[in-house]
Amino acid sequence: MEEKHNNATKQRPEGARPLDAGIIPINIPKYIDQLKGEDAYQKNGKNAITVFKSDTVTITLIAMKIDAEFHPGKEENEATMSLQVIKGEVLFESFGNKVELKDGELVTLHQQLAFKTTAISDVICLLTMVK
């Protein structure tokens, strides 16, 4: 397995970190603090960081302020996904269905189905996409 790393960016100068390796410990509380401390969260009401990415699986931690919305791009719709609420509450909408999710709850969705997630309160979610 070839290890993959994310490089530092202007927005995340200390952002270099492994994305794919034999084992990757993920410190979720650390990343939550980082997301909430970055300008994007303050300006846009939402922020995200990919904590794992292989050829078939992507795991992204998402922080949203109340009323912020998240919906995937076209490429992400090609993956089966799960969304787990770590803290807070969201309204998940897809294919005419609406589901409210609270702390610790999870929803799954098959490929090719569009969705939208709206924060009912400040929320932290873990999005897993599998191609």
C-alpha atoms as a PDB file:
ATOM      1  CA  MET A   1       0.000   0.000   0.000  1.00  0.00           C
ATOM      2  CA  GLU A   2       1.300   3.386  -0.976  1.00  0.00           C
ATOM      3  CA  GLU A   3       0.877   5.952   1.774  1.00  0.00           C
ATOM      4  CA  LYS A   4      -0.893   9.180   0.827  1.00  0.00           C
ATOM      5  CA  HIS A   5      -0.513  12.517   2.584  1.00  0.00           C
ATOM      6  CA  ASN A   6      -2.306  15.830   2.452  1.00  0.00           C
ATOM      7  CA  ASN A   7      -0.065  18.861   2.006  1.00  0.00           C
ATOM      8  CA  ALA A   8      -0.200  22.053   4.011  1.00  0.00           C
ATOM      9  CA  THR A   9      -2.189  24.884   2.396  1.00  0.00           C
ATOM     10  CA  LYS A  10      -2.517  28.613   2.928  1.00  0.00           C
ATOM     11  CA  GLN A  11      -5.730  27.986   4.901  1.00  0.00           C
ATOM     12  CA  ARG A  12      -4.128  25.112   6.852  1.00  0.00           C
ATOM     13  CA  PRO A  13      -0.379  25.821   7.065  1.00  0.00           C
ATOM     14  CA  GLU A  14       0.066  22.991   9.558  1.00  0.00           C
ATOM     15  CA  GLY A  15      -2.268  20.763   7.540  1.00  0.00           C
ATOM     16  CA  ALA A  16       0.207  18.128   6.342  1.00  0.00           C
ATOM     17  CA  ARG A  17      -1.121  14.789   7.577  1.00  0.00           C
ATOM     18  CA  PRO A  18      -1.484  11.192   6.413  1.00  0.00           C
ATOM     19  CA  LEU A  19      -4.704  10.426   4.536  1.00  0.00           C
ATOM     20  CA  ASP A  20      -4.117   6.777   3.675  1.00  0.00           C
ATOM     21  CA  ALA A  21      -1.757   4.315   5.350  1.00  0.00           C
ATOM     22  CA  GLY A  22      -1.861   0.910   7.006  1.00  0.00           C
ATOM     23  CA  ILE A  23      -3.188   2.556  10.171  1.00  0.00           C
ATOM     24  CA  ILE A  24      -4.257   6.137  10.771  1.00  0.00           C
ATOM     25  CA  PRO A  25      -5.315   7.246  14.244  1.00  0.00           C
ATOM     26  CA  ILE A  26      -7.865  10.079  13.938  1.00  0.00           C
ATOM     27  CA  ASN A  27      -8.176  12.511  16.833  1.00  0.00           C
ATOM     28  CA  ILE A  28     -11.751  13.717  16.281  1.00  0.00           C
ATOM     29  CA  PRO A  29     -11.844  16.211  19.202  1.00  0.00           C
ATOM     30  CA  LYS A  30      -8.646  17.837  17.871  1.00  0.00           C
ATOM     31  CA  TYR A  31     -10.129  18.172  14.388  1.00  0.00           C
ATOM     32  CA  ILE A  32     -13.394  19.576  15.773  1.00  0.00           C
ATOM     33  CA  ASP A  33     -11.448  22.311  17.577  1.00  0.00           C
ATOM     34  CA  GLN A  34      -9.473  22.986  14.396  1.00  0.00           C
ATOM     35  CA  LEU A  35     -12.598  23.233  12.214  1.00  0.00           C
ATOM     36  CA  LYS A  36     -14.356  25.600  14.601  1.00  0.00           C
ATOM     37  CA  GLY A  37     -11.240  27.775  14.899  1.00  0.00           C
ATOM     38  CA  GLU A  38     -10.731  28.311  11.167  1.00  0.00           C
ATOM     39  CA  ASP A  39     -11.996  31.349   9.262  1.00  0.00           C
ATOM     40  CA  ALA A  40     -14.200  29.226   6.965  1.00  0.00           C
ATOM     41  CA  TYR A  41     -16.376  28.171   9.904  1.00  0.00           C
ATOM     42  CA  GLN A  42     -16.771  31.753  11.098  1.00  0.00           C
ATOM     43  CA  LYS A  43     -17.449  33.180   7.617  1.00  0.00           C
ATOM     44  CA  ASN A  44     -19.513  30.397   6.010  1.00  0.00           C
ATOM     45  CA  GLY A  45     -21.115  28.714   8.997  1.00  0.00           C
ATOM     46  CA  LYS A  46     -19.582  25.398   7.980  1.00  0.00           C
ATOM     47  CA  ASN A  47     -16.195  23.759   7.557  1.00  0.00           C
ATOM     48  CA  ALA A  48     -14.913  20.281   6.783  1.00  0.00           C
ATOM     49  CA  ILE A  49     -11.727  18.246   6.788  1.00  0.00           C
ATOM     50  CA  THR A  50     -11.030  14.932   5.089  1.00  0.00           C
ATOM     51  CA  VAL A  51      -9.509  12.646   7.705  1.00  0.00           C
ATOM     52  CA  PHE A  52      -9.120   9.531   5.511  1.00  0.00           C
ATOM     53  CA  LYS A  53      -9.064   9.042   1.741  1.00  0.00           C
ATOM     54  CA  SER A  54      -8.289   5.909  -0.242  1.00  0.00           C
ATOM     55  CA  ASP A  55      -9.266   4.924  -3.768  1.00  0.00           C
ATOM     56  CA  THR A  56     -12.640   3.666  -2.501  1.00  0.00           C
ATOM     57  CA  VAL A  57     -13.376   5.324   0.864  1.00  0.00           C
ATOM     58  CA  THR A  58     -13.434   8.969   1.953  1.00  0.00           C
ATOM     59  CA  ILE A  59     -14.187  10.020   5.541  1.00  0.00           C
ATOM     60  CA  THR A  60     -14.869  13.695   6.189  1.00  0.00           C
ATOM     61  CA  LEU A  61     -15.541  15.487   9.466  1.00  0.00           C
ATOM     62  CA  ILE A  62     -18.033  18.341   9.046  1.00  0.00           C
ATOM     63  CA  ALA A  63     -18.856  21.202  11.433  1.00  0.00           C
ATOM     64  CA  MET A  64     -21.938  23.339  10.722  1.00  0.00           C
ATOM     65  CA  LYS A  65     -23.588  26.207  12.532  1.00  0.00           C
ATOM     66  CA  ILE A  66     -27.355  26.280  12.899  1.00  0.00           C
ATOM     67  CA  ASP A  67     -29.166  26.689   9.529  1.00  0.00           C
ATOM     68  CA  ALA A  68     -26.035  25.876   7.476  1.00  0.00           C
ATOM     69  CA  GLU A  69     -26.584  23.420   4.621  1.00  0.00           C
ATOM     70  CA  PHE A  70     -24.461  20.705   3.076  1.00  0.00           C
ATOM     71  CA  HIS A  71     -25.109  18.858  -0.172  1.00  0.00           C
ATOM     72  CA  PRO A  72     -22.552  16.861  -2.117  1.00  0.00           C
ATOM     73  CA  GLY A  73     -21.123  17.576  -5.528  1.00  0.00           C
ATOM     74  CA  LYS A  74     -21.995  15.442  -8.531  1.00  0.00           C
ATOM     75  CA  GLU A  75     -18.950  13.141  -8.101  1.00  0.00           C
ATOM     76  CA  GLU A  76     -19.849  12.359  -4.485  1.00  0.00           C
ATOM     77  CA  ASN A  77     -23.327  11.180  -5.566  1.00  0.00           C
ATOM     78  CA  GLU A  78     -21.627   8.196  -7.201  1.00  0.00           C
ATOM     79  CA  ALA A  79     -20.818   6.758  -3.765  1.00  0.00           C
ATOM     80  CA  THR A  80     -22.809   4.886  -1.155  1.00  0.00           C
ATOM     81  CA  MET A  81     -22.644   7.013   1.978  1.00  0.00           C
ATOM     82  CA  SER A  82     -23.357   7.236   5.655  1.00  0.00           C
ATOM     83  CA  LEU A  83     -23.789  10.355   7.750  1.00  0.00           C
ATOM     84  CA  GLN A  84     -23.382  10.072  11.511  1.00  0.00           C
ATOM     85  CA  VAL A  85     -24.227  12.926  13.836  1.00  0.00           C
ATOM     86  CA  ILE A  86     -21.592  13.117  16.544  1.00  0.00           C
ATOM     87  CA  LYS A  87     -23.110  16.132  18.289  1.00  0.00           C
ATOM     88  CA  GLY A  88     -26.121  18.274  17.441  1.00  0.00           C
ATOM     89  CA  GLU A  89     -29.097  17.776  15.159  1.00  0.00           C
ATOM     90  CA  VAL A  90     -29.643  17.827  11.396  1.00  0.00           C
ATOM     91  CA  LEU A  91     -32.464  17.468   8.908  1.00  0.00           C
ATOM     92  CA  PHE A  92     -31.430  14.991   6.200  1.00  0.00           C
ATOM     93  CA  GLU A  93     -33.452  15.128   2.958  1.00  0.00           C
ATOM     94  CA  SER A  94     -33.282  12.756  -0.001  1.00  0.00           C
ATOM     95  CA  PHE A  95     -35.676  11.437  -2.593  1.00  0.00           C
ATOM     96  CA  GLY A  96     -38.686  13.085  -0.949  1.00  0.00           C
ATOM     97  CA  ASN A  97     -37.845  11.717   2.507  1.00  0.00           C
ATOM     98  CA  LYS A  98     -36.943  13.838   5.530  1.00  0.00           C
ATOM     99  CA  VAL A  99     -35.189  12.399   8.568  1.00  0.00           C
ATOM    100  CA  GLU A 100     -34.114  14.253  11.707  1.00  0.00           C
ATOM    101  CA  LEU A 101     -30.877  12.911  13.161  1.00  0.00           C
ATOM    102  CA  LYS A 102     -29.552  13.641  16.657  1.00  0.00           C
ATOM    103  CA  ASP A 103     -26.430  12.782  18.674  1.00  0.00           C
ATOM    104  CA  GLY A 104     -25.125   9.337  17.742  1.00  0.00           C
ATOM    105  CA  GLU A 105     -27.673   8.633  14.996  1.00  0.00           C
ATOM    106  CA  LEU A 106     -26.714   7.481  11.514  1.00  0.00           C
ATOM    107  CA  VAL A 107     -28.339   7.429   8.087  1.00  0.00           C
ATOM    108  CA  THR A 108     -27.198   5.561   4.976  1.00  0.00           C
ATOM    109  CA  LEU A 109     -27.898   6.292   1.331  1.00  0.00           C
ATOM    110  CA  HIS A 110     -27.272   4.296  -1.839  1.00  0.00           C
ATOM    111  CA  GLN A 111     -25.444   5.575  -4.896  1.00  0.00           C
ATOM    112  CA  GLN A 112     -26.874   8.128  -7.284  1.00  0.00           C
ATOM    113  CA  LEU A 113     -29.341   9.609  -4.776  1.00  0.00           C
ATOM    114  CA  ALA A 114     -28.939  13.323  -4.141  1.00  0.00           C
ATOM    115  CA  PHE A 115     -29.279  14.631  -0.597  1.00  0.00           C
ATOM    116  CA  LYS A 116     -29.226  17.816   1.442  1.00  0.00           C
ATOM    117  CA  THR A 117     -28.380  18.190   5.107  1.00  0.00           C
ATOM    118  CA  THR A 118     -29.450  21.245   7.132  1.00  0.00           C
ATOM    119  CA  ALA A 119     -28.163  21.948  10.643  1.00  0.00           C
ATOM    120  CA  ILE A 120     -31.036  22.295  13.123  1.00  0.00           C
ATOM    121  CA  SER A 121     -28.465  23.200  15.794  1.00  0.00           C
ATOM    122  CA  ASP A 122     -24.696  23.588  15.744  1.00  0.00           C
ATOM    123  CA  VAL A 123     -23.575  20.143  14.620  1.00  0.00           C
ATOM    124  CA  ILE A 124     -20.597  17.864  14.083  1.00  0.00           C
ATOM    125  CA  CYS A 125     -21.049  15.036  11.530  1.00  0.00           C
ATOM    126  CA  LEU A 126     -18.928  12.272  10.102  1.00  0.00           C
ATOM    127  CA  LEU A 127     -19.558  11.623   6.402  1.00  0.00           C
ATOM    128  CA  THR A 128     -18.303   8.348   4.940  1.00  0.00           C
ATOM    129  CA  MET A 129     -18.419   7.809   1.162  1.00  0.00           C
ATOM    130  CA  VAL A 130     -17.698   4.387  -0.379  1.00  0.00           C
ATOM    131  CA  LYS A 131     -17.283   3.988  -4.154  1.00  0.00           C
END
